[in-house]
Amino acid sequence: MPAAPYSGFGAYRVNEAAQAQAAKGTRQPPGRRILAIANQKGGVGKTTTAINLATALAAVGRRILVFDSDPQGNASTGLGVDRNQTRRSSYDVLVNQTPIADAVVATAVPGLFLVPSAIDLSAAELELVNLERREYRLHEAFMELREAYDYVLIDCPPSLGLLTLNAMVAADGVLVPLQCEYLALEGLSHLARTIDRIRAGFNTRLYIQGIVLTMFDNRNNLSSLVADDVRGYFGDKVYKTVIPRNVRVSEAPSHGKPVLLYDLRCPGSQAYIHLAGEILRREEGEWT
């Protein structure tokens, strides 16, 4: 496999380790964490990870908020919320500075809440350009709400524009879903450099919280090769839990349900349960 997509990873790993240690004192302790779920490449399982990880965390007693920052609104649909029937949305929070509590709606999952997306969010990138403190709109919105939830998961669009920038400025960490295919790796070093720039210019506490390998197919040697290469460069940043290719995971959004509600026993559901446990163990370990 060519080495080009990995250029800069070694330097990034050293830089990340040093800066993460320096920033540790500024990050929120477990129980009040904002995570941006981001990857500029589409189709890597980002929204699927957002809604199913949120469901798994809620299932173990955490109070969770999903903020749908993607104009496509797939996180809203996947949690069974009709965004055309909601009065307030993530657009209102970002552009109109509507108090975020006014946009929160309950989902069918106890303890899991959502700020839905809206069609208007498609124009938000252009509208934000001329607004004051455009990069900090979401950060300022979350300041009033952080204590209300154990975890806030921001489902970012598949780009590195102002919507994703707002999410990363507001977040404590970035969770990166990575599809186990070669082409999915091409933008990973670019994303790592973007996180470095945001940390340097906007948000000193930002770090890569973890990389989740998705759509893993154990019948395909490429999946294992990609997993080995990413683990070789990012080490412990890559979760041990991998999310397998699973038809039940793909079917669940069409029913407006997380896969944990659609089919709890399927491999995809069990993987997200294990991932939630690994995240909680990792975060608790940082503060012991």
C-alpha atoms as a PDB file:
ATOM      1  CA  MET A   1       0.000   0.000   0.000  1.00  0.00           C
ATOM      2  CA  PRO A   2       1.504   3.382  -0.963  1.00  0.00           C
ATOM      3  CA  ALA A   3       2.769   5.549   1.850  1.00  0.00           C
ATOM      4  CA  ALA A   4       1.628   8.913   0.473  1.00  0.00           C
ATOM      5  CA  PRO A   5      -1.635   9.229   2.445  1.00  0.00           C
ATOM      6  CA  TYR A   6       0.274   8.774   5.680  1.00  0.00           C
ATOM      7  CA  SER A   7       2.752  11.616   5.180  1.00  0.00           C
ATOM      8  CA  GLY A   8       3.120  13.590   8.368  1.00  0.00           C
ATOM      9  CA  PHE A   9       1.498  10.975  10.609  1.00  0.00           C
ATOM     10  CA  GLY A  10       4.684  10.302  12.558  1.00  0.00           C
ATOM     11  CA  ALA A  11       5.178  13.986  13.350  1.00  0.00           C
ATOM     12  CA  TYR A  12       1.515  14.310  14.161  1.00  0.00           C
ATOM     13  CA  ARG A  13       1.652  11.444  16.661  1.00  0.00           C
ATOM     14  CA  VAL A  14       4.509  13.052  18.589  1.00  0.00           C
ATOM     15  CA  ASN A  15       2.866  16.475  18.430  1.00  0.00           C
ATOM     16  CA  GLU A  16      -0.486  15.082  19.524  1.00  0.00           C
ATOM     17  CA  ALA A  17       1.002  13.310  22.527  1.00  0.00           C
ATOM     18  CA  ALA A  18       2.779  16.431  23.758  1.00  0.00           C
ATOM     19  CA  GLN A  19      -0.140  18.788  23.194  1.00  0.00           C
ATOM     20  CA  ALA A  20      -2.725  16.404  24.625  1.00  0.00           C
ATOM     21  CA  GLN A  21      -0.732  16.194  27.841  1.00  0.00           C
ATOM     22  CA  ALA A  22      -0.404  19.980  27.996  1.00  0.00           C
ATOM     23  CA  ALA A  23      -4.112  20.473  27.307  1.00  0.00           C
ATOM     24  CA  LYS A  24      -5.308  17.813  29.754  1.00  0.00           C
ATOM     25  CA  GLY A  25      -5.764  20.326  32.554  1.00  0.00           C
ATOM     26  CA  THR A  26      -8.136  22.402  30.405  1.00  0.00           C
ATOM     27  CA  ARG A  27     -10.392  19.523  29.330  1.00  0.00           C
ATOM     28  CA  GLN A  28     -13.626  18.693  31.068  1.00  0.00           C
ATOM     29  CA  PRO A  29     -13.609  15.592  33.298  1.00  0.00           C
ATOM     30  CA  PRO A  30     -15.654  12.538  32.276  1.00  0.00           C
ATOM     31  CA  GLY A  31     -19.361  13.149  32.607  1.00  0.00           C
ATOM     32  CA  ARG A  32     -19.310  16.538  30.869  1.00  0.00           C
ATOM     33  CA  ARG A  33     -17.687  15.988  27.508  1.00  0.00           C
ATOM     34  CA  ILE A  34     -18.471  17.429  24.074  1.00  0.00           C
ATOM     35  CA  LEU A  35     -17.293  15.278  21.166  1.00  0.00           C
ATOM     36  CA  ALA A  36     -17.362  16.228  17.487  1.00  0.00           C
ATOM     37  CA  ILE A  37     -17.860  13.178  15.277  1.00  0.00           C
ATOM     38  CA  ALA A  38     -16.081  14.241  12.130  1.00  0.00           C
ATOM     39  CA  ASN A  39     -14.508  13.064   8.917  1.00  0.00           C
ATOM     40  CA  GLN A  40     -14.479  15.168   5.751  1.00  0.00           C
ATOM     41  CA  LYS A  41     -15.127  12.041   3.693  1.00  0.00           C
ATOM     42  CA  GLY A  42     -18.729  10.942   3.407  1.00  0.00           C
ATOM     43  CA  GLY A  43     -19.987   7.393   3.712  1.00  0.00           C
ATOM     44  CA  VAL A  44     -17.657   6.328   6.520  1.00  0.00           C
ATOM     45  CA  GLY A  45     -20.309   5.635   9.161  1.00  0.00           C
ATOM     46  CA  LYS A  46     -20.158   9.013  10.877  1.00  0.00           C
ATOM     47  CA  THR A  47     -23.892   9.503  11.456  1.00  0.00           C
ATOM     48  CA  THR A  48     -24.378   5.808  12.179  1.00  0.00           C
ATOM     49  CA  THR A  49     -21.710   6.088  14.857  1.00  0.00           C
ATOM     50  CA  ALA A  50     -23.249   9.255  16.294  1.00  0.00           C
ATOM     51  CA  ILE A  51     -26.727   7.848  16.812  1.00  0.00           C
ATOM     52  CA  ASN A  52     -25.748   4.343  17.910  1.00  0.00           C
ATOM     53  CA  LEU A  53     -22.954   5.412  20.239  1.00  0.00           C
ATOM     54  CA  ALA A  54     -25.370   7.937  21.758  1.00  0.00           C
ATOM     55  CA  THR A  55     -27.967   5.200  22.227  1.00  0.00           C
ATOM     56  CA  ALA A  56     -25.446   2.846  23.838  1.00  0.00           C
ATOM     57  CA  LEU A  57     -24.239   5.573  26.233  1.00  0.00           C
ATOM     58  CA  ALA A  58     -27.835   6.438  27.153  1.00  0.00           C
ATOM     59  CA  ALA A  59     -28.532   2.760  27.765  1.00  0.00           C
ATOM     60  CA  VAL A  60     -25.938   2.677  30.556  1.00  0.00           C
ATOM     61  CA  GLY A  61     -27.470   5.658  32.314  1.00  0.00           C
ATOM     62  CA  ARG A  62     -25.704   8.622  30.735  1.00  0.00           C
ATOM     63  CA  ARG A  63     -27.712  11.683  29.738  1.00  0.00           C
ATOM     64  CA  ILE A  64     -26.857  12.350  26.093  1.00  0.00           C
ATOM     65  CA  LEU A  65     -27.486  15.125  23.571  1.00  0.00           C
ATOM     66  CA  VAL A  66     -26.945  14.671  19.828  1.00  0.00           C
ATOM     67  CA  PHE A  67     -26.497  17.940  17.941  1.00  0.00           C
ATOM     68  CA  ASP A  68     -27.255  17.385  14.244  1.00  0.00           C
ATOM     69  CA  SER A  69     -24.989  19.810  12.392  1.00  0.00           C
ATOM     70  CA  ASP A  70     -25.306  18.113   9.014  1.00  0.00           C
ATOM     71  CA  PRO A  71     -27.742  19.728   6.511  1.00  0.00           C
ATOM     72  CA  GLN A  72     -28.664  16.228   5.308  1.00  0.00           C
ATOM     73  CA  GLY A  73     -30.257  15.616   8.704  1.00  0.00           C
ATOM     74  CA  ASN A  74     -29.579  11.888   8.766  1.00  0.00           C
ATOM     75  CA  ALA A  75     -28.992  11.819  12.518  1.00  0.00           C
ATOM     76  CA  SER A  76     -32.414  13.377  13.049  1.00  0.00           C
ATOM     77  CA  THR A  77     -34.068  10.850  10.727  1.00  0.00           C
ATOM     78  CA  GLY A  78     -32.141   7.958  12.255  1.00  0.00           C
ATOM     79  CA  LEU A  79     -33.438   8.893  15.710  1.00  0.00           C
ATOM     80  CA  GLY A  80     -37.018   8.992  14.461  1.00  0.00           C
ATOM     81  CA  VAL A  81     -37.453  12.787  14.563  1.00  0.00           C
ATOM     82  CA  ASP A  82     -39.239  14.484  11.654  1.00  0.00           C
ATOM     83  CA  ARG A  83     -37.218  17.661  11.283  1.00  0.00           C
ATOM     84  CA  ASN A  84     -40.045  19.239   9.270  1.00  0.00           C
ATOM     85  CA  GLN A  85     -42.220  19.075  12.381  1.00  0.00           C
ATOM     86  CA  THR A  86     -39.765  20.742  14.766  1.00  0.00           C
ATOM     87  CA  ARG A  87     -40.033  24.417  15.719  1.00  0.00           C
ATOM     88  CA  ARG A  88     -36.339  25.057  16.304  1.00  0.00           C
ATOM     89  CA  SER A  89     -33.223  23.469  14.844  1.00  0.00           C
ATOM     90  CA  SER A  90     -29.439  23.560  14.809  1.00  0.00           C
ATOM     91  CA  TYR A  91     -29.730  26.308  12.187  1.00  0.00           C
ATOM     92  CA  ASP A  92     -31.532  28.545  14.676  1.00  0.00           C
ATOM     93  CA  VAL A  93     -28.873  27.880  17.298  1.00  0.00           C
ATOM     94  CA  LEU A  94     -25.970  28.647  14.964  1.00  0.00           C
ATOM     95  CA  VAL A  95     -27.333  31.540  12.934  1.00  0.00           C
ATOM     96  CA  ASN A  96     -30.102  33.109  15.017  1.00  0.00           C
ATOM     97  CA  GLN A  97     -28.489  32.416  18.407  1.00  0.00           C
ATOM     98  CA  THR A  98     -31.626  30.713  19.680  1.00  0.00           C
ATOM     99  CA  PRO A  99     -30.946  29.277  23.166  1.00  0.00           C
ATOM    100  CA  ILE A 100     -29.974  25.681  22.582  1.00  0.00           C
ATOM    101  CA  ALA A 101     -32.403  24.438  25.250  1.00  0.00           C
ATOM    102  CA  ASP A 102     -35.265  25.760  23.090  1.00  0.00           C
ATOM    103  CA  ALA A 103     -34.216  23.492  20.222  1.00  0.00           C
ATOM    104  CA  VAL A 104     -33.829  20.244  22.178  1.00  0.00           C
ATOM    105  CA  VAL A 105     -36.367  17.484  21.513  1.00  0.00           C
ATOM    106  CA  ALA A 106     -36.743  14.094  23.197  1.00  0.00           C
ATOM    107  CA  THR A 107     -36.192  10.856  21.302  1.00  0.00           C
ATOM    108  CA  ALA A 108     -37.663   7.399  21.813  1.00  0.00           C
ATOM    109  CA  VAL A 109     -34.548   6.445  23.783  1.00  0.00           C
ATOM    110  CA  PRO A 110     -34.750   7.374  27.489  1.00  0.00           C
ATOM    111  CA  GLY A 111     -31.997   9.817  28.364  1.00  0.00           C
ATOM    112  CA  LEU A 112     -31.201  10.636  24.727  1.00  0.00           C
ATOM    113  CA  PHE A 113     -32.067  14.076  23.339  1.00  0.00           C
ATOM    114  CA  LEU A 114     -31.570  15.750  19.971  1.00  0.00           C
ATOM    115  CA  VAL A 115     -31.138  19.169  18.429  1.00  0.00           C
ATOM    116  CA  PRO A 116     -32.441  18.376  14.928  1.00  0.00           C
ATOM    117  CA  SER A 117     -31.091  19.623  11.641  1.00  0.00           C
ATOM    118  CA  ALA A 118     -33.122  21.682   9.166  1.00  0.00           C
ATOM    119  CA  ILE A 119     -33.102  22.328   5.423  1.00  0.00           C
ATOM    120  CA  ASP A 120     -32.053  25.930   6.173  1.00  0.00           C
ATOM    121  CA  LEU A 121     -28.745  24.611   7.494  1.00  0.00           C
ATOM    122  CA  SER A 122     -27.615  24.203   3.875  1.00  0.00           C
ATOM    123  CA  ALA A 123     -27.301  27.987   3.656  1.00  0.00           C
ATOM    124  CA  ALA A 124     -25.636  28.405   7.041  1.00  0.00           C
ATOM    125  CA  GLU A 125     -22.093  28.192   5.660  1.00  0.00           C
ATOM    126  CA  LEU A 126     -22.708  31.338   3.599  1.00  0.00           C
ATOM    127  CA  GLU A 127     -24.653  33.148   6.313  1.00  0.00           C
ATOM    128  CA  LEU A 128     -22.027  32.517   8.969  1.00  0.00           C
ATOM    129  CA  VAL A 129     -19.259  34.103   6.910  1.00  0.00           C
ATOM    130  CA  ASN A 130     -20.338  37.663   7.729  1.00  0.00           C
ATOM    131  CA  LEU A 131     -21.357  37.115  11.348  1.00  0.00           C
ATOM    132  CA  GLU A 132     -19.295  38.213  14.325  1.00  0.00           C
ATOM    133  CA  ARG A 133     -17.299  35.493  16.082  1.00  0.00           C
ATOM    134  CA  ARG A 134     -18.482  33.094  13.407  1.00  0.00           C
ATOM    135  CA  GLU A 135     -16.204  30.289  14.605  1.00  0.00           C
ATOM    136  CA  TYR A 136     -17.482  30.473  18.202  1.00  0.00           C
ATOM    137  CA  ARG A 137     -21.270  30.411  17.677  1.00  0.00           C
ATOM    138  CA  LEU A 138     -21.684  26.812  18.804  1.00  0.00           C
ATOM    139  CA  HIS A 139     -19.120  27.122  21.599  1.00  0.00           C
ATOM    140  CA  GLU A 140     -21.057  30.033  23.083  1.00  0.00           C
ATOM    141  CA  ALA A 141     -24.367  28.181  22.690  1.00  0.00           C
ATOM    142  CA  PHE A 142     -23.065  25.170  24.612  1.00  0.00           C
ATOM    143  CA  MET A 143     -21.755  27.253  27.518  1.00  0.00           C
ATOM    144  CA  GLU A 144     -25.254  27.451  28.999  1.00  0.00           C
ATOM    145  CA  LEU A 145     -25.936  23.763  28.519  1.00  0.00           C
ATOM    146  CA  ARG A 146     -22.821  21.766  29.359  1.00  0.00           C
ATOM    147  CA  GLU A 147     -23.920  20.813  32.866  1.00  0.00           C
ATOM    148  CA  ALA A 148     -27.219  19.365  31.617  1.00  0.00           C
ATOM    149  CA  TYR A 149     -25.682  16.386  29.770  1.00  0.00           C
ATOM    150  CA  ASP A 150     -23.001  13.817  30.401  1.00  0.00           C
ATOM    151  CA  TYR A 151     -22.023  13.750  26.736  1.00  0.00           C
ATOM    152  CA  VAL A 152     -22.850  15.955  23.754  1.00  0.00           C
ATOM    153  CA  LEU A 153     -22.152  14.305  20.387  1.00  0.00           C
ATOM    154  CA  ILE A 154     -22.020  16.646  17.384  1.00  0.00           C
ATOM    155  CA  ASP A 155     -22.723  14.959  14.057  1.00  0.00           C
ATOM    156  CA  CYS A 156     -20.664  17.012  11.586  1.00  0.00           C
ATOM    157  CA  PRO A 157     -21.191  17.307   7.819  1.00  0.00           C
ATOM    158  CA  PRO A 158     -18.730  15.552   5.482  1.00  0.00           C
ATOM    159  CA  SER A 159     -16.623  18.683   4.937  1.00  0.00           C
ATOM    160  CA  LEU A 160     -14.259  20.965   6.826  1.00  0.00           C
ATOM    161  CA  GLY A 161     -16.283  24.177   6.424  1.00  0.00           C
ATOM    162  CA  LEU A 162     -17.688  26.554   9.025  1.00  0.00           C
ATOM    163  CA  LEU A 163     -20.206  24.059  10.382  1.00  0.00           C
ATOM    164  CA  THR A 164     -17.455  21.565  11.201  1.00  0.00           C
ATOM    165  CA  LEU A 165     -15.162  24.346  12.414  1.00  0.00           C
ATOM    166  CA  ASN A 166     -17.869  25.474  14.863  1.00  0.00           C
ATOM    167  CA  ALA A 167     -18.198  21.904  16.101  1.00  0.00           C
ATOM    168  CA  MET A 168     -14.460  21.532  16.678  1.00  0.00           C
ATOM    169  CA  VAL A 169     -14.166  24.888  18.425  1.00  0.00           C
ATOM    170  CA  ALA A 170     -17.000  23.844  20.743  1.00  0.00           C
ATOM    171  CA  ALA A 171     -15.701  20.310  21.330  1.00  0.00           C
ATOM    172  CA  ASP A 172     -13.316  18.818  23.854  1.00  0.00           C
ATOM    173  CA  GLY A 173     -12.331  16.051  21.454  1.00  0.00           C
ATOM    174  CA  VAL A 174     -12.839  14.698  17.944  1.00  0.00           C
ATOM    175  CA  LEU A 175     -14.017  11.147  17.355  1.00  0.00           C
ATOM    176  CA  VAL A 176     -13.086  10.030  13.825  1.00  0.00           C
ATOM    177  CA  PRO A 177     -14.984   7.173  12.156  1.00  0.00           C
ATOM    178  CA  LEU A 178     -12.716   5.620   9.519  1.00  0.00           C
ATOM    179  CA  GLN A 179     -13.979   3.216   6.903  1.00  0.00           C
ATOM    180  CA  CYS A 180     -11.697   0.212   6.466  1.00  0.00           C
ATOM    181  CA  GLU A 181     -10.914   0.932   2.825  1.00  0.00           C
ATOM    182  CA  TYR A 182      -7.830   2.444   1.220  1.00  0.00           C
ATOM    183  CA  LEU A 183      -9.506   5.561  -0.225  1.00  0.00           C
ATOM    184  CA  ALA A 184     -10.927   6.436   3.183  1.00  0.00           C
ATOM    185  CA  LEU A 185      -7.378   6.992   4.433  1.00  0.00           C
ATOM    186  CA  GLU A 186      -6.494   9.697   1.944  1.00  0.00           C
ATOM    187  CA  GLY A 187      -7.962  12.571   3.948  1.00  0.00           C
ATOM    188  CA  LEU A 188      -6.949  11.393   7.403  1.00  0.00           C
ATOM    189  CA  SER A 189      -3.627  13.227   7.528  1.00  0.00           C
ATOM    190  CA  HIS A 190      -5.385  16.379   6.286  1.00  0.00           C
ATOM    191  CA  LEU A 191      -7.943  16.058   9.071  1.00  0.00           C
ATOM    192  CA  ALA A 192      -5.142  15.636  11.614  1.00  0.00           C
ATOM    193  CA  ARG A 193      -3.459  18.828  10.369  1.00  0.00           C
ATOM    194  CA  THR A 194      -6.782  20.669  10.494  1.00  0.00           C
ATOM    195  CA  ILE A 195      -7.236  19.646  14.124  1.00  0.00           C
ATOM    196  CA  ASP A 196      -3.728  20.927  14.871  1.00  0.00           C
ATOM    197  CA  ARG A 197      -4.547  24.292  13.289  1.00  0.00           C
ATOM    198  CA  ILE A 198      -7.823  24.608  15.184  1.00  0.00           C
ATOM    199  CA  ARG A 199      -6.058  23.736  18.417  1.00  0.00           C
ATOM    200  CA  ALA A 200      -3.413  26.383  17.748  1.00  0.00           C
ATOM    201  CA  GLY A 201      -5.812  29.128  16.675  1.00  0.00           C
ATOM    202  CA  PHE A 202      -9.185  28.542  18.321  1.00  0.00           C
ATOM    203  CA  ASN A 203      -9.405  25.727  20.850  1.00  0.00           C
ATOM    204  CA  THR A 204      -6.356  24.692  22.863  1.00  0.00           C
ATOM    205  CA  ARG A 205      -8.146  21.756  24.521  1.00  0.00           C
ATOM    206  CA  LEU A 206      -9.040  20.021  21.229  1.00  0.00           C
ATOM    207  CA  TYR A 207      -7.523  16.608  20.581  1.00  0.00           C
ATOM    208  CA  ILE A 208      -8.307  13.391  18.745  1.00  0.00           C
ATOM    209  CA  GLN A 209     -10.373  11.507  21.280  1.00  0.00           C
ATOM    210  CA  GLY A 210     -10.260   8.335  19.223  1.00  0.00           C
ATOM    211  CA  ILE A 211     -10.485   6.693  15.807  1.00  0.00           C
ATOM    212  CA  VAL A 212     -13.261   4.159  15.209  1.00  0.00           C
ATOM    213  CA  LEU A 213     -12.714   1.613  12.445  1.00  0.00           C
ATOM    214  CA  THR A 214     -16.044   1.110  10.655  1.00  0.00           C
ATOM    215  CA  MET A 215     -17.450  -1.182   7.964  1.00  0.00           C
ATOM    216  CA  PHE A 216     -14.856  -3.807   8.844  1.00  0.00           C
ATOM    217  CA  ASP A 217     -15.156  -6.964   6.767  1.00  0.00           C
ATOM    218  CA  ASN A 218     -13.105  -9.847   8.141  1.00  0.00           C
ATOM    219  CA  ARG A 219     -13.487 -11.670   4.817  1.00  0.00           C
ATOM    220  CA  ASN A 220     -11.540  -8.877   3.120  1.00  0.00           C
ATOM    221  CA  ASN A 221      -7.772  -8.712   3.595  1.00  0.00           C
ATOM    222  CA  LEU A 222      -7.817  -4.978   2.838  1.00  0.00           C
ATOM    223  CA  SER A 223      -9.840  -4.280   5.973  1.00  0.00           C
ATOM    224  CA  SER A 224      -7.177  -5.929   8.100  1.00  0.00           C
ATOM    225  CA  LEU A 225      -4.350  -4.146   6.250  1.00  0.00           C
ATOM    226  CA  VAL A 226      -5.986  -0.755   6.719  1.00  0.00           C
ATOM    227  CA  ALA A 227      -6.638  -1.483  10.397  1.00  0.00           C
ATOM    228  CA  ASP A 228      -3.026  -2.560  10.959  1.00  0.00           C
ATOM    229  CA  ASP A 229      -1.637   0.521   9.212  1.00  0.00           C
ATOM    230  CA  VAL A 230      -3.832   2.959  11.129  1.00  0.00           C
ATOM    231  CA  ARG A 231      -2.984   1.289  14.441  1.00  0.00           C
ATOM    232  CA  GLY A 232       0.688   1.442  13.502  1.00  0.00           C
ATOM    233  CA  TYR A 233       0.566   5.217  13.087  1.00  0.00           C
ATOM    234  CA  PHE A 234      -1.997   6.215  15.703  1.00  0.00           C
ATOM    235  CA  GLY A 235      -1.439   3.519  18.308  1.00  0.00           C
ATOM    236  CA  ASP A 236      -3.788   3.724  21.279  1.00  0.00           C
ATOM    237  CA  LYS A 237      -5.845   6.442  19.594  1.00  0.00           C
ATOM    238  CA  VAL A 238      -7.516   3.644  17.615  1.00  0.00           C
ATOM    239  CA  TYR A 239     -10.217   1.841  19.555  1.00  0.00           C
ATOM    240  CA  LYS A 240      -9.909  -1.898  19.944  1.00  0.00           C
ATOM    241  CA  THR A 241     -13.589  -2.237  19.067  1.00  0.00           C
ATOM    242  CA  VAL A 242     -14.276  -2.326  15.319  1.00  0.00           C
ATOM    243  CA  ILE A 243     -17.688  -1.819  13.744  1.00  0.00           C
ATOM    244  CA  PRO A 244     -18.418  -4.626  11.267  1.00  0.00           C
ATOM    245  CA  ARG A 245     -20.307  -4.409   8.015  1.00  0.00           C
ATOM    246  CA  ASN A 246     -23.810  -5.447   8.997  1.00  0.00           C
ATOM    247  CA  VAL A 247     -27.022  -5.224   6.993  1.00  0.00           C
ATOM    248  CA  ARG A 248     -29.092  -4.583  10.123  1.00  0.00           C
ATOM    249  CA  VAL A 249     -27.088  -1.400  10.775  1.00  0.00           C
ATOM    250  CA  SER A 250     -27.915  -0.229   7.253  1.00  0.00           C
ATOM    251  CA  GLU A 251     -31.612  -1.090   7.595  1.00  0.00           C
ATOM    252  CA  ALA A 252     -32.244   0.600  10.942  1.00  0.00           C
ATOM    253  CA  PRO A 253     -32.338   4.281   9.768  1.00  0.00           C
ATOM    254  CA  SER A 254     -35.135   3.518   7.297  1.00  0.00           C
ATOM    255  CA  HIS A 255     -37.233   2.557  10.335  1.00  0.00           C
ATOM    256  CA  GLY A 256     -36.264   5.719  12.237  1.00  0.00           C
ATOM    257  CA  LYS A 257     -34.433   3.708  14.877  1.00  0.00           C
ATOM    258  CA  PRO A 258     -30.880   3.228  16.111  1.00  0.00           C
ATOM    259  CA  VAL A 259     -29.762  -0.320  15.379  1.00  0.00           C
ATOM    260  CA  LEU A 260     -29.754  -1.046  19.140  1.00  0.00           C
ATOM    261  CA  LEU A 261     -33.548  -0.630  19.096  1.00  0.00           C
ATOM    262  CA  TYR A 262     -34.006  -2.270  15.710  1.00  0.00           C
ATOM    263  CA  ASP A 263     -32.016  -5.432  16.470  1.00  0.00           C
ATOM    264  CA  LEU A 264     -30.137  -5.533  19.757  1.00  0.00           C
ATOM    265  CA  ARG A 265     -28.576  -8.933  19.102  1.00  0.00           C
ATOM    266  CA  CYS A 266     -27.001  -8.177  15.719  1.00  0.00           C
ATOM    267  CA  PRO A 267     -23.203  -7.780  15.467  1.00  0.00           C
ATOM    268  CA  GLY A 268     -23.497  -4.046  14.764  1.00  0.00           C
ATOM    269  CA  SER A 269     -25.465  -3.392  17.943  1.00  0.00           C
ATOM    270  CA  GLN A 270     -23.075  -5.438  20.032  1.00  0.00           C
ATOM    271  CA  ALA A 271     -20.107  -3.554  18.548  1.00  0.00           C
ATOM    272  CA  TYR A 272     -21.546  -0.153  19.502  1.00  0.00           C
ATOM    273  CA  ILE A 273     -22.259  -1.400  23.011  1.00  0.00           C
ATOM    274  CA  HIS A 274     -18.615  -2.496  23.316  1.00  0.00           C
ATOM    275  CA  LEU A 275     -17.442   0.825  21.856  1.00  0.00           C
ATOM    276  CA  ALA A 276     -19.437   2.784  24.435  1.00  0.00           C
ATOM    277  CA  GLY A 277     -17.875   0.719  27.201  1.00  0.00           C
ATOM    278  CA  GLU A 278     -14.388   1.252  25.806  1.00  0.00           C
ATOM    279  CA  ILE A 279     -14.908   5.018  25.578  1.00  0.00           C
ATOM    280  CA  LEU A 280     -16.125   5.206  29.162  1.00  0.00           C
ATOM    281  CA  ARG A 281     -13.218   3.101  30.442  1.00  0.00           C
ATOM    282  CA  ARG A 282     -10.698   5.163  28.497  1.00  0.00           C
ATOM    283  CA  GLU A 283     -12.037   8.499  29.712  1.00  0.00           C
ATOM    284  CA  GLU A 284     -12.278   7.385  33.312  1.00  0.00           C
ATOM    285  CA  GLY A 285      -8.688   6.137  33.089  1.00  0.00           C
ATOM    286  CA  GLU A 286      -7.432   9.572  31.989  1.00  0.00           C
ATOM    287  CA  TRP A 287      -8.601  11.096  35.238  1.00  0.00           C
ATOM    288  CA  THR A 288      -7.557   8.447  37.751  1.00  0.00           C
END
